[in-house]
């Protein structure tokens, strides 16, 4: 997406400002990312350097993407399981609070 935007002729001579979060611990990765973005300027989707770099970066991030996908799927399954409970099972697990008046009739208030 950035490659397409940066190569669009309508954006020629318009300064590009990249904002990166400030992390006091380690900001070395931002320099690498900015260099990569600068490298993408003017590259076409058929450029062999672009294709090779794309495949290389896909391989590097594959494990991380897989771990994130597994965490997401686990969270979704937990949500689905909670949503799939029928009303009877929900009623069994919930505490029932009965209000009784002096006559012993539940739920009727006589003032």
PDB file of N, CA and C in Angstrom:
ATOM      1  N   UNK A   1       0.828  -1.173   0.000  1.00  0.00           N
ATOM      2  CA  UNK A   1       0.000   0.000   0.000  1.00  0.00           C
ATOM      3  C   UNK A   1       0.890   1.261   0.000  1.00  0.00           C
ATOM      4  N   UNK A   2       1.888   1.272   0.854  1.00  0.00           N
ATOM      5  CA  UNK A   2       2.784   2.430   0.898  1.00  0.00           C
ATOM      6  C   UNK A   2       3.493   2.601  -0.439  1.00  0.00           C
ATOM      7  N   UNK A   3       3.892   1.492  -1.039  1.00  0.00           N
ATOM      8  CA  UNK A   3       4.580   1.534  -2.330  1.00  0.00           C
ATOM      9  C   UNK A   3       3.701   2.216  -3.371  1.00  0.00           C
ATOM     10  N   UNK A   4       2.420   1.889  -3.378  1.00  0.00           N
ATOM     11  CA  UNK A   4       1.499   2.488  -4.345  1.00  0.00           C
ATOM     12  C   UNK A   4       1.324   3.984  -4.093  1.00  0.00           C
ATOM     13  N   UNK A   5       1.161   4.344  -2.840  1.00  0.00           N
ATOM     14  CA  UNK A   5       0.996   5.765  -2.503  1.00  0.00           C
ATOM     15  C   UNK A   5       2.241   6.573  -2.834  1.00  0.00           C
ATOM     16  N   UNK A   6       3.389   6.034  -2.472  1.00  0.00           N
ATOM     17  CA  UNK A   6       4.624   6.793  -2.670  1.00  0.00           C
ATOM     18  C   UNK A   6       4.991   6.915  -4.144  1.00  0.00           C
ATOM     19  N   UNK A   7       4.472   6.025  -4.977  1.00  0.00           N
ATOM     20  CA  UNK A   7       4.783   6.067  -6.403  1.00  0.00           C
ATOM     21  C   UNK A   7       3.747   6.834  -7.213  1.00  0.00           C
ATOM     22  N   UNK A   8       2.693   7.294  -6.574  1.00  0.00           N
ATOM     23  CA  UNK A   8       1.634   8.022  -7.270  1.00  0.00           C
ATOM     24  C   UNK A   8       2.137   9.407  -7.669  1.00  0.00           C
ATOM     25  N   UNK A   9       2.003   9.733  -8.941  1.00  0.00           N
ATOM     26  CA  UNK A   9       2.491  11.016  -9.470  1.00  0.00           C
ATOM     27  C   UNK A   9       1.779  12.206  -8.833  1.00  0.00           C
ATOM     28  N   UNK A  10       0.561  12.015  -8.345  1.00  0.00           N
ATOM     29  CA  UNK A  10      -0.172  13.115  -7.719  1.00  0.00           C
ATOM     30  C   UNK A  10       0.484  13.563  -6.416  1.00  0.00           C
ATOM     31  N   UNK A  11       1.333  12.717  -5.849  1.00  0.00           N
ATOM     32  CA  UNK A  11       1.996  13.057  -4.591  1.00  0.00           C
ATOM     33  C   UNK A  11       3.420  13.577  -4.791  1.00  0.00           C
ATOM     34  N   UNK A  12       3.830  13.742  -6.044  1.00  0.00           N
ATOM     35  CA  UNK A  12       5.162  14.295  -6.311  1.00  0.00           C
ATOM     36  C   UNK A  12       5.280  15.681  -5.688  1.00  0.00           C
ATOM     37  N   UNK A  13       6.434  15.974  -5.135  1.00  0.00           N
ATOM     38  CA  UNK A  13       6.759  17.267  -4.522  1.00  0.00           C
ATOM     39  C   UNK A  13       5.935  17.581  -3.277  1.00  0.00           C
ATOM     40  N   UNK A  14       5.304  16.584  -2.716  1.00  0.00           N
ATOM     41  CA  UNK A  14       4.600  16.757  -1.447  1.00  0.00           C
ATOM     42  C   UNK A  14       5.423  16.024  -0.393  1.00  0.00           C
ATOM     43  N   UNK A  15       5.826  16.714   0.662  1.00  0.00           N
ATOM     44  CA  UNK A  15       6.640  16.055   1.689  1.00  0.00           C
ATOM     45  C   UNK A  15       5.871  14.917   2.355  1.00  0.00           C
ATOM     46  N   UNK A  16       6.578  13.874   2.632  1.00  0.00           N
ATOM     47  CA  UNK A  16       5.999  12.720   3.300  1.00  0.00           C
ATOM     48  C   UNK A  16       6.488  12.715   4.741  1.00  0.00           C
ATOM     49  N   UNK A  17       5.555  12.715   5.659  1.00  0.00           N
ATOM     50  CA  UNK A  17       5.905  12.736   7.078  1.00  0.00           C
ATOM     51  C   UNK A  17       5.496  11.403   7.683  1.00  0.00           C
ATOM     52  N   UNK A  18       6.455  10.716   8.243  1.00  0.00           N
ATOM     53  CA  UNK A  18       6.192   9.438   8.898  1.00  0.00           C
ATOM     54  C   UNK A  18       6.261   9.644  10.401  1.00  0.00           C
ATOM     55  N   UNK A  19       5.206   9.266  11.080  1.00  0.00           N
ATOM     56  CA  UNK A  19       5.192   9.379  12.534  1.00  0.00           C
ATOM     57  C   UNK A  19       5.445   8.006  13.137  1.00  0.00           C
ATOM     58  N   UNK A  20       6.338   7.975  14.091  1.00  0.00           N
ATOM     59  CA  UNK A  20       6.616   6.728  14.796  1.00  0.00           C
ATOM     60  C   UNK A  20       6.427   6.967  16.286  1.00  0.00           C
ATOM     61  N   UNK A  21       5.909   5.970  16.982  1.00  0.00           N
ATOM     62  CA  UNK A  21       5.733   6.138  18.427  1.00  0.00           C
ATOM     63  C   UNK A  21       7.076   6.271  19.126  1.00  0.00           C
ATOM     64  N   UNK A  22       7.078   7.017  20.185  1.00  0.00           N
ATOM     65  CA  UNK A  22       8.299   7.199  20.956  1.00  0.00           C
ATOM     66  C   UNK A  22       8.391   6.068  21.969  1.00  0.00           C
ATOM     67  N   UNK A  23       9.469   5.316  21.876  1.00  0.00           N
ATOM     68  CA  UNK A  23       9.703   4.222  22.811  1.00  0.00           C
ATOM     69  C   UNK A  23      11.093   4.427  23.392  1.00  0.00           C
ATOM     70  N   UNK A  24      11.139   4.781  24.637  1.00  0.00           N
ATOM     71  CA  UNK A  24      12.422   5.093  25.272  1.00  0.00           C
ATOM     72  C   UNK A  24      13.332   3.871  25.346  1.00  0.00           C
ATOM     73  N   UNK A  25      12.748   2.679  25.304  1.00  0.00           N
ATOM     74  CA  UNK A  25      13.549   1.459  25.446  1.00  0.00           C
ATOM     75  C   UNK A  25      14.407   1.197  24.211  1.00  0.00           C
ATOM     76  N   UNK A  26      13.756   1.132  23.036  1.00  0.00           N
ATOM     77  CA  UNK A  26      14.500   0.774  21.837  1.00  0.00           C
ATOM     78  C   UNK A  26      13.800   1.345  20.611  1.00  0.00           C
ATOM     79  N   UNK A  27      14.466   2.228  19.915  1.00  0.00           N
ATOM     80  CA  UNK A  27      13.884   2.792  18.708  1.00  0.00           C
ATOM     81  C   UNK A  27      14.668   2.405  17.457  1.00  0.00           C
ATOM     82  N   UNK A  28      15.541   1.405  17.572  1.00  0.00           N
ATOM     83  CA  UNK A  28      16.371   1.014  16.437  1.00  0.00           C
ATOM     84  C   UNK A  28      15.551   0.423  15.297  1.00  0.00           C
ATOM     85  N   UNK A  29      14.447  -0.241  15.603  1.00  0.00           N
ATOM     86  CA  UNK A  29      13.648  -0.861  14.547  1.00  0.00           C
ATOM     87  C   UNK A  29      12.991   0.187  13.657  1.00  0.00           C
ATOM     88  N   UNK A  30      12.718   1.372  14.206  1.00  0.00           N
ATOM     89  CA  UNK A  30      12.078   2.409  13.402  1.00  0.00           C
ATOM     90  C   UNK A  30      12.994   2.879  12.282  1.00  0.00           C
ATOM     91  N   UNK A  31      14.266   2.957  12.545  1.00  0.00           N
ATOM     92  CA  UNK A  31      15.216   3.353  11.509  1.00  0.00           C
ATOM     93  C   UNK A  31      15.209   2.367  10.357  1.00  0.00           C
ATOM     94  N   UNK A  32      15.155   1.080  10.681  1.00  0.00           N
ATOM     95  CA  UNK A  32      15.105   0.044   9.650  1.00  0.00           C
ATOM     96  C   UNK A  32      13.808   0.145   8.853  1.00  0.00           C
ATOM     97  N   UNK A  33      12.706   0.386   9.540  1.00  0.00           N
ATOM     98  CA  UNK A  33      11.415   0.498   8.862  1.00  0.00           C
ATOM     99  C   UNK A  33      11.389   1.711   7.937  1.00  0.00           C
ATOM    100  N   UNK A  34      11.944   2.819   8.386  1.00  0.00           N
ATOM    101  CA  UNK A  34      11.968   4.026   7.554  1.00  0.00           C
ATOM    102  C   UNK A  34      12.835   3.804   6.320  1.00  0.00           C
ATOM    103  N   UNK A  35      13.972   3.140   6.490  1.00  0.00           N
ATOM    104  CA  UNK A  35      14.827   2.833   5.341  1.00  0.00           C
ATOM    105  C   UNK A  35      14.083   1.952   4.341  1.00  0.00           C
ATOM    106  N   UNK A  36      13.331   0.993   4.852  1.00  0.00           N
ATOM    107  CA  UNK A  36      12.559   0.112   3.977  1.00  0.00           C
ATOM    108  C   UNK A  36      11.500   0.904   3.213  1.00  0.00           C
ATOM    109  N   UNK A  37      10.818   1.813   3.901  1.00  0.00           N
ATOM    110  CA  UNK A  37       9.800   2.632   3.238  1.00  0.00           C
ATOM    111  C   UNK A  37      10.425   3.527   2.168  1.00  0.00           C
ATOM    112  N   UNK A  38      11.580   4.100   2.479  1.00  0.00           N
ATOM    113  CA  UNK A  38      12.268   4.930   1.490  1.00  0.00           C
ATOM    114  C   UNK A  38      12.683   4.090   0.287  1.00  0.00           C
ATOM    115  N   UNK A  39      13.107   2.862   0.536  1.00  0.00           N
ATOM    116  CA  UNK A  39      13.527   1.954  -0.527  1.00  0.00           C
ATOM    117  C   UNK A  39      12.358   1.612  -1.455  1.00  0.00           C
ATOM    118  N   UNK A  40      11.146   1.566  -0.914  1.00  0.00           N
ATOM    119  CA  UNK A  40       9.967   1.207  -1.705  1.00  0.00           C
ATOM    120  C   UNK A  40       9.555   2.280  -2.709  1.00  0.00           C
ATOM    121  N   UNK A  41       9.956   3.515  -2.482  1.00  0.00           N
ATOM    122  CA  UNK A  41       9.542   4.613  -3.361  1.00  0.00           C
ATOM    123  C   UNK A  41      10.020   4.327  -4.780  1.00  0.00           C
ATOM    124  N   UNK A  42       9.077   4.352  -5.709  1.00  0.00           N
ATOM    125  CA  UNK A  42       9.402   4.154  -7.118  1.00  0.00           C
ATOM    126  C   UNK A  42       9.464   2.708  -7.564  1.00  0.00           C
ATOM    127  N   UNK A  43       9.299   1.759  -6.660  1.00  0.00           N
ATOM    128  CA  UNK A  43       9.344   0.343  -7.037  1.00  0.00           C
ATOM    129  C   UNK A  43       8.001  -0.077  -7.625  1.00  0.00           C
ATOM    130  N   UNK A  44       8.047  -0.875  -8.678  1.00  0.00           N
ATOM    131  CA  UNK A  44       6.815  -1.420  -9.249  1.00  0.00           C
ATOM    132  C   UNK A  44       6.595  -2.816  -8.681  1.00  0.00           C
ATOM    133  N   UNK A  45       5.373  -3.321  -8.838  1.00  0.00           N
ATOM    134  CA  UNK A  45       5.068  -4.651  -8.300  1.00  0.00           C
ATOM    135  C   UNK A  45       5.829  -5.745  -9.039  1.00  0.00           C
ATOM    136  N   UNK A  46       6.333  -5.438 -10.239  1.00  0.00           N
ATOM    137  CA  UNK A  46       7.064  -6.425 -11.030  1.00  0.00           C
ATOM    138  C   UNK A  46       8.572  -6.344 -10.829  1.00  0.00           C
ATOM    139  N   UNK A  47       9.040  -5.374 -10.070  1.00  0.00           N
ATOM    140  CA  UNK A  47      10.467  -5.195  -9.818  1.00  0.00           C
ATOM    141  C   UNK A  47      11.002  -6.420  -9.078  1.00  0.00           C
ATOM    142  N   UNK A  48      12.044  -7.045  -9.620  1.00  0.00           N
ATOM    143  CA  UNK A  48      12.566  -8.283  -9.033  1.00  0.00           C
ATOM    144  C   UNK A  48      13.128  -8.061  -7.633  1.00  0.00           C
ATOM    145  N   UNK A  49      13.759  -6.914  -7.383  1.00  0.00           N
ATOM    146  CA  UNK A  49      14.251  -6.609  -6.033  1.00  0.00           C
ATOM    147  C   UNK A  49      13.093  -6.538  -5.043  1.00  0.00           C
ATOM    148  N   UNK A  50      12.003  -5.912  -5.482  1.00  0.00           N
ATOM    149  CA  UNK A  50      10.812  -5.805  -4.629  1.00  0.00           C
ATOM    150  C   UNK A  50      10.243  -7.193  -4.331  1.00  0.00           C
ATOM    151  N   UNK A  51      10.125  -8.022  -5.350  1.00  0.00           N
ATOM    152  CA  UNK A  51       9.573  -9.374  -5.174  1.00  0.00           C
ATOM    153  C   UNK A  51      10.435 -10.180  -4.213  1.00  0.00           C
ATOM    154  N   UNK A  52      11.749 -10.127  -4.399  1.00  0.00           N
ATOM    155  CA  UNK A  52      12.660 -10.874  -3.519  1.00  0.00           C
ATOM    156  C   UNK A  52      12.564 -10.389  -2.078  1.00  0.00           C
ATOM    157  N   UNK A  53      12.533  -9.080  -1.890  1.00  0.00           N
ATOM    158  CA  UNK A  53      12.461  -8.508  -0.536  1.00  0.00           C
ATOM    159  C   UNK A  53      11.131  -8.852   0.125  1.00  0.00           C
ATOM    160  N   UNK A  54      10.060  -8.795  -0.669  1.00  0.00           N
ATOM    161  CA  UNK A  54       8.732  -9.138  -0.168  1.00  0.00           C
ATOM    162  C   UNK A  54       8.717 -10.578   0.350  1.00  0.00           C
ATOM    163  N   UNK A  55       9.240 -11.504  -0.446  1.00  0.00           N
ATOM    164  CA  UNK A  55       9.267 -12.912  -0.042  1.00  0.00           C
ATOM    165  C   UNK A  55      10.137 -13.119   1.197  1.00  0.00           C
ATOM    166  N   UNK A  56      11.261 -12.432   1.254  1.00  0.00           N
ATOM    167  CA  UNK A  56      12.159 -12.530   2.408  1.00  0.00           C
ATOM    168  C   UNK A  56      11.464 -12.053   3.686  1.00  0.00           C
ATOM    169  N   UNK A  57      10.794 -10.913   3.595  1.00  0.00           N
ATOM    170  CA  UNK A  57      10.112 -10.363   4.770  1.00  0.00           C
ATOM    171  C   UNK A  57       8.911 -11.217   5.171  1.00  0.00           C
ATOM    172  N   UNK A  58       8.242 -11.808   4.202  1.00  0.00           N
ATOM    173  CA  UNK A  58       7.128 -12.706   4.510  1.00  0.00           C
ATOM    174  C   UNK A  58       7.624 -13.908   5.318  1.00  0.00           C
ATOM    175  N   UNK A  59       8.761 -14.451   4.932  1.00  0.00           N
ATOM    176  CA  UNK A  59       9.342 -15.581   5.662  1.00  0.00           C
ATOM    177  C   UNK A  59       9.743 -15.180   7.080  1.00  0.00           C
ATOM    178  N   UNK A  60      10.335 -13.998   7.217  1.00  0.00           N
ATOM    179  CA  UNK A  60      10.773 -13.537   8.537  1.00  0.00           C
ATOM    180  C   UNK A  60       9.602 -13.357   9.501  1.00  0.00           C
ATOM    181  N   UNK A  61       8.473 -12.895   9.002  1.00  0.00           N
ATOM    182  CA  UNK A  61       7.329 -12.624   9.863  1.00  0.00           C
ATOM    183  C   UNK A  61       6.326 -13.751   9.967  1.00  0.00           C
ATOM    184  N   UNK A  62       6.583 -14.857   9.287  1.00  0.00           N
ATOM    185  CA  UNK A  62       5.611 -15.952   9.244  1.00  0.00           C
ATOM    186  C   UNK A  62       5.313 -16.521  10.634  1.00  0.00           C
ATOM    187  N   UNK A  63       6.326 -16.764  11.427  1.00  0.00           N
ATOM    188  CA  UNK A  63       6.133 -17.345  12.757  1.00  0.00           C
ATOM    189  C   UNK A  63       5.307 -16.409  13.643  1.00  0.00           C
ATOM    190  N   UNK A  64       5.634 -15.135  13.621  1.00  0.00           N
ATOM    191  CA  UNK A  64       4.913 -14.160  14.438  1.00  0.00           C
ATOM    192  C   UNK A  64       3.452 -14.049  14.009  1.00  0.00           C
ATOM    193  N   UNK A  65       3.210 -14.010  12.695  1.00  0.00           N
ATOM    194  CA  UNK A  65       1.825 -13.945  12.206  1.00  0.00           C
ATOM    195  C   UNK A  65       1.048 -15.185  12.607  1.00  0.00           C
ATOM    196  N   UNK A  66       1.680 -16.347  12.542  1.00  0.00           N
ATOM    197  CA  UNK A  66       1.022 -17.598  12.921  1.00  0.00           C
ATOM    198  C   UNK A  66       0.662 -17.588  14.407  1.00  0.00           C
ATOM    199  N   UNK A  67       1.579 -17.132  15.253  1.00  0.00           N
ATOM    200  CA  UNK A  67       1.304 -17.066  16.692  1.00  0.00           C
ATOM    201  C   UNK A  67       0.144 -16.121  16.980  1.00  0.00           C
ATOM    202  N   UNK A  68       0.128 -14.967  16.325  1.00  0.00           N
ATOM    203  CA  UNK A  68      -0.962 -14.012  16.525  1.00  0.00           C
ATOM    204  C   UNK A  68      -2.290 -14.572  16.033  1.00  0.00           C
ATOM    205  N   UNK A  69      -2.267 -15.287  14.912  1.00  0.00           N
ATOM    206  CA  UNK A  69      -3.491 -15.887  14.377  1.00  0.00           C
ATOM    207  C   UNK A  69      -4.034 -16.943  15.335  1.00  0.00           C
ATOM    208  N   UNK A  70      -3.141 -17.728  15.940  1.00  0.00           N
ATOM    209  CA  UNK A  70      -3.572 -18.753  16.896  1.00  0.00           C
ATOM    210  C   UNK A  70      -4.186 -18.115  18.141  1.00  0.00           C
ATOM    211  N   UNK A  71      -3.570 -17.048  18.639  1.00  0.00           N
ATOM    212  CA  UNK A  71      -4.122 -16.346  19.805  1.00  0.00           C
ATOM    213  C   UNK A  71      -5.496 -15.770  19.484  1.00  0.00           C
ATOM    214  N   UNK A  72      -5.635 -15.191  18.297  1.00  0.00           N
ATOM    215  CA  UNK A  72      -6.909 -14.608  17.883  1.00  0.00           C
ATOM    216  C   UNK A  72      -7.978 -15.692  17.779  1.00  0.00           C
ATOM    217  N   UNK A  73      -7.632 -16.815  17.159  1.00  0.00           N
ATOM    218  CA  UNK A  73      -8.594 -17.908  17.000  1.00  0.00           C
ATOM    219  C   UNK A  73      -9.016 -18.466  18.357  1.00  0.00           C
ATOM    220  N   UNK A  74      -8.070 -18.590  19.276  1.00  0.00           N
ATOM    221  CA  UNK A  74      -8.395 -19.082  20.615  1.00  0.00           C
ATOM    222  C   UNK A  74      -9.375 -18.132  21.308  1.00  0.00           C
ATOM    223  N   UNK A  75      -9.130 -16.843  21.173  1.00  0.00           N
ATOM    224  CA  UNK A  75     -10.013 -15.844  21.784  1.00  0.00           C
ATOM    225  C   UNK A  75     -11.395 -15.889  21.140  1.00  0.00           C
ATOM    226  N   UNK A  76     -11.438 -16.042  19.819  1.00  0.00           N
ATOM    227  CA  UNK A  76     -12.724 -16.129  19.122  1.00  0.00           C
ATOM    228  C   UNK A  76     -13.493 -17.377  19.554  1.00  0.00           C
ATOM    229  N   UNK A  77     -12.797 -18.502  19.712  1.00  0.00           N
ATOM    230  CA  UNK A  77     -13.454 -19.739  20.148  1.00  0.00           C
ATOM    231  C   UNK A  77     -14.035 -19.586  21.542  1.00  0.00           C
ATOM    232  N   UNK A  78     -13.316 -18.895  22.416  1.00  0.00           N
ATOM    233  CA  UNK A  78     -13.810 -18.650  23.770  1.00  0.00           C
ATOM    234  C   UNK A  78     -15.080 -17.809  23.718  1.00  0.00           C
ATOM    235  N   UNK A  79     -15.087 -16.795  22.870  1.00  0.00           N
ATOM    236  CA  UNK A  79     -16.276 -15.949  22.729  1.00  0.00           C
ATOM    237  C   UNK A  79     -17.439 -16.741  22.151  1.00  0.00           C
ATOM    238  N   UNK A  80     -17.158 -17.581  21.146  1.00  0.00           N
ATOM    239  CA  UNK A  80     -18.220 -18.386  20.537  1.00  0.00           C
ATOM    240  C   UNK A  80     -18.810 -19.359  21.542  1.00  0.00           C
ATOM    241  N   UNK A  81     -17.932 -19.961  22.340  1.00  0.00           N
ATOM    242  CA  UNK A  81     -18.395 -20.931  23.332  1.00  0.00           C
ATOM    243  C   UNK A  81     -19.308 -20.250  24.344  1.00  0.00           C
ATOM    244  N   UNK A  82     -18.933 -19.066  24.787  1.00  0.00           N
ATOM    245  CA  UNK A  82     -19.750 -18.332  25.754  1.00  0.00           C
ATOM    246  C   UNK A  82     -21.079 -17.918  25.133  1.00  0.00           C
ATOM    247  N   UNK A  83     -21.057 -17.539  23.871  1.00  0.00           N
ATOM    248  CA  UNK A  83     -22.279 -17.094  23.207  1.00  0.00           C
ATOM    249  C   UNK A  83     -23.195 -18.255  22.846  1.00  0.00           C
ATOM    250  N   UNK A  84     -22.640 -19.456  22.755  1.00  0.00           N
ATOM    251  CA  UNK A  84     -23.443 -20.595  22.321  1.00  0.00           C
ATOM    252  C   UNK A  84     -24.232 -21.250  23.447  1.00  0.00           C
ATOM    253  N   UNK A  85     -24.066 -20.789  24.657  1.00  0.00           N
ATOM    254  CA  UNK A  85     -24.830 -21.358  25.769  1.00  0.00           C
ATOM    255  C   UNK A  85     -26.311 -21.092  25.548  1.00  0.00           C
ATOM    256  N   UNK A  86     -27.115 -22.114  25.805  1.00  0.00           N
ATOM    257  CA  UNK A  86     -28.549 -21.901  25.684  1.00  0.00           C
ATOM    258  C   UNK A  86     -29.082 -21.290  26.974  1.00  0.00           C
ATOM    259  N   UNK A  87     -30.302 -20.859  26.928  1.00  0.00           N
ATOM    260  CA  UNK A  87     -30.883 -20.139  28.059  1.00  0.00           C
ATOM    261  C   UNK A  87     -30.975 -21.029  29.294  1.00  0.00           C
ATOM    262  N   UNK A  88     -31.229 -22.327  29.104  1.00  0.00           N
ATOM    263  CA  UNK A  88     -31.349 -23.239  30.249  1.00  0.00           C
ATOM    264  C   UNK A  88     -30.027 -23.347  31.004  1.00  0.00           C
ATOM    265  N   UNK A  89     -28.931 -23.487  30.274  1.00  0.00           N
ATOM    266  CA  UNK A  89     -27.637 -23.595  30.949  1.00  0.00           C
ATOM    267  C   UNK A  89     -27.252 -22.278  31.609  1.00  0.00           C
ATOM    268  N   UNK A  90     -27.668 -21.179  31.016  1.00  0.00           N
ATOM    269  CA  UNK A  90     -27.380 -19.883  31.619  1.00  0.00           C
ATOM    270  C   UNK A  90     -28.175 -19.706  32.911  1.00  0.00           C
ATOM    271  N   UNK A  91     -29.396 -20.218  32.925  1.00  0.00           N
ATOM    272  CA  UNK A  91     -30.240 -20.094  34.114  1.00  0.00           C
ATOM    273  C   UNK A  91     -29.703 -20.963  35.252  1.00  0.00           C
ATOM    274  N   UNK A  92     -29.160 -22.125  34.926  1.00  0.00           N
ATOM    275  CA  UNK A  92     -28.624 -23.019  35.950  1.00  0.00           C
ATOM    276  C   UNK A  92     -27.406 -22.407  36.633  1.00  0.00           C
ATOM    277  N   UNK A  93     -26.580 -21.731  35.837  1.00  0.00           N
ATOM    278  CA  UNK A  93     -25.346 -21.195  36.402  1.00  0.00           C
ATOM    279  C   UNK A  93     -25.561 -19.880  37.142  1.00  0.00           C
ATOM    280  N   UNK A  94     -26.609 -19.198  36.835  1.00  0.00           N
ATOM    281  CA  UNK A  94     -26.872 -17.917  37.495  1.00  0.00           C
ATOM    282  C   UNK A  94     -27.569 -18.154  38.828  1.00  0.00           C
ATOM    283  N   UNK A  95     -27.241 -17.340  39.794  1.00  0.00           N
ATOM    284  CA  UNK A  95     -27.920 -17.439  41.090  1.00  0.00           C
ATOM    285  C   UNK A  95     -29.298 -16.827  40.961  1.00  0.00           C
ATOM    286  N   UNK A  96     -30.253 -17.539  41.492  1.00  0.00           N
ATOM    287  CA  UNK A  96     -31.610 -17.016  41.482  1.00  0.00           C
ATOM    288  C   UNK A  96     -31.857 -16.339  42.815  1.00  0.00           C
ATOM    289  N   UNK A  97     -32.333 -15.162  42.737  1.00  0.00           N
ATOM    290  CA  UNK A  97     -32.644 -14.421  43.951  1.00  0.00           C
ATOM    291  C   UNK A  97     -34.155 -14.291  44.011  1.00  0.00           C
ATOM    292  N   UNK A  98     -34.708 -14.860  45.040  1.00  0.00           N
ATOM    293  CA  UNK A  98     -36.157 -14.789  45.210  1.00  0.00           C
ATOM    294  C   UNK A  98     -36.462 -13.837  46.351  1.00  0.00           C
ATOM    295  N   UNK A  99     -37.423 -13.026  46.096  1.00  0.00           N
ATOM    296  CA  UNK A  99     -37.883 -12.145  47.164  1.00  0.00           C
ATOM    297  C   UNK A  99     -39.208 -12.683  47.666  1.00  0.00           C
ATOM    298  N   UNK A 100     -39.290 -12.867  48.922  1.00  0.00           N
ATOM    299  CA  UNK A 100     -40.519 -13.382  49.517  1.00  0.00           C
ATOM    300  C   UNK A 100     -41.048 -12.374  50.526  1.00  0.00           C
ATOM    301  N   UNK A 101     -42.363 -12.246  50.533  1.00  0.00           N
ATOM    302  CA  UNK A 101     -42.969 -11.388  51.538  1.00  0.00           C
ATOM    303  C   UNK A 101     -43.407 -12.255  52.717  1.00  0.00           C
ATOM    304  N   UNK A 102     -44.146 -11.713  53.614  1.00  0.00           N
ATOM    305  CA  UNK A 102     -44.558 -12.438  54.818  1.00  0.00           C
ATOM    306  C   UNK A 102     -45.436 -13.641  54.521  1.00  0.00           C
ATOM    307  N   UNK A 103     -46.199 -13.617  53.448  1.00  0.00           N
ATOM    308  CA  UNK A 103     -47.082 -14.726  53.112  1.00  0.00           C
ATOM    309  C   UNK A 103     -46.327 -15.865  52.436  1.00  0.00           C
ATOM    310  N   UNK A 104     -45.082 -15.648  52.071  1.00  0.00           N
ATOM    311  CA  UNK A 104     -44.307 -16.692  51.434  1.00  0.00           C
ATOM    312  C   UNK A 104     -44.482 -16.740  49.924  1.00  0.00           C
ATOM    313  N   UNK A 105     -45.164 -15.785  49.351  1.00  0.00           N
ATOM    314  CA  UNK A 105     -45.342 -15.760  47.904  1.00  0.00           C
ATOM    315  C   UNK A 105     -44.163 -15.011  47.282  1.00  0.00           C
ATOM    316  N   UNK A 106     -43.575 -15.626  46.283  1.00  0.00           N
ATOM    317  CA  UNK A 106     -42.393 -15.047  45.654  1.00  0.00           C
ATOM    318  C   UNK A 106     -42.774 -13.959  44.663  1.00  0.00           C
ATOM    319  N   UNK A 107     -42.037 -12.889  44.686  1.00  0.00           N
ATOM    320  CA  UNK A 107     -42.139 -11.861  43.678  1.00  0.00           C
ATOM    321  C   UNK A 107     -43.341 -10.940  43.771  1.00  0.00           C
ATOM    322  N   UNK A 108     -44.175 -11.057  44.754  1.00  0.00           N
ATOM    323  CA  UNK A 108     -45.344 -10.190  44.861  1.00  0.00           C
ATOM    324  C   UNK A 108     -45.109  -9.211  45.995  1.00  0.00           C
ATOM    325  N   UNK A 109     -45.284  -7.970  45.708  1.00  0.00           N
ATOM    326  CA  UNK A 109     -45.068  -6.938  46.712  1.00  0.00           C
ATOM    327  C   UNK A 109     -46.424  -6.349  47.086  1.00  0.00           C
ATOM    328  N   UNK A 110     -46.768  -6.398  48.349  1.00  0.00           N
ATOM    329  CA  UNK A 110     -48.051  -5.860  48.805  1.00  0.00           C
ATOM    330  C   UNK A 110     -47.790  -4.730  49.784  1.00  0.00           C
ATOM    331  N   UNK A 111     -47.993  -3.530  49.347  1.00  0.00           N
ATOM    332  CA  UNK A 111     -47.805  -2.367  50.213  1.00  0.00           C
ATOM    333  C   UNK A 111     -49.103  -1.762  50.582  1.00  0.00           C
TER     334      UNK A 111
END
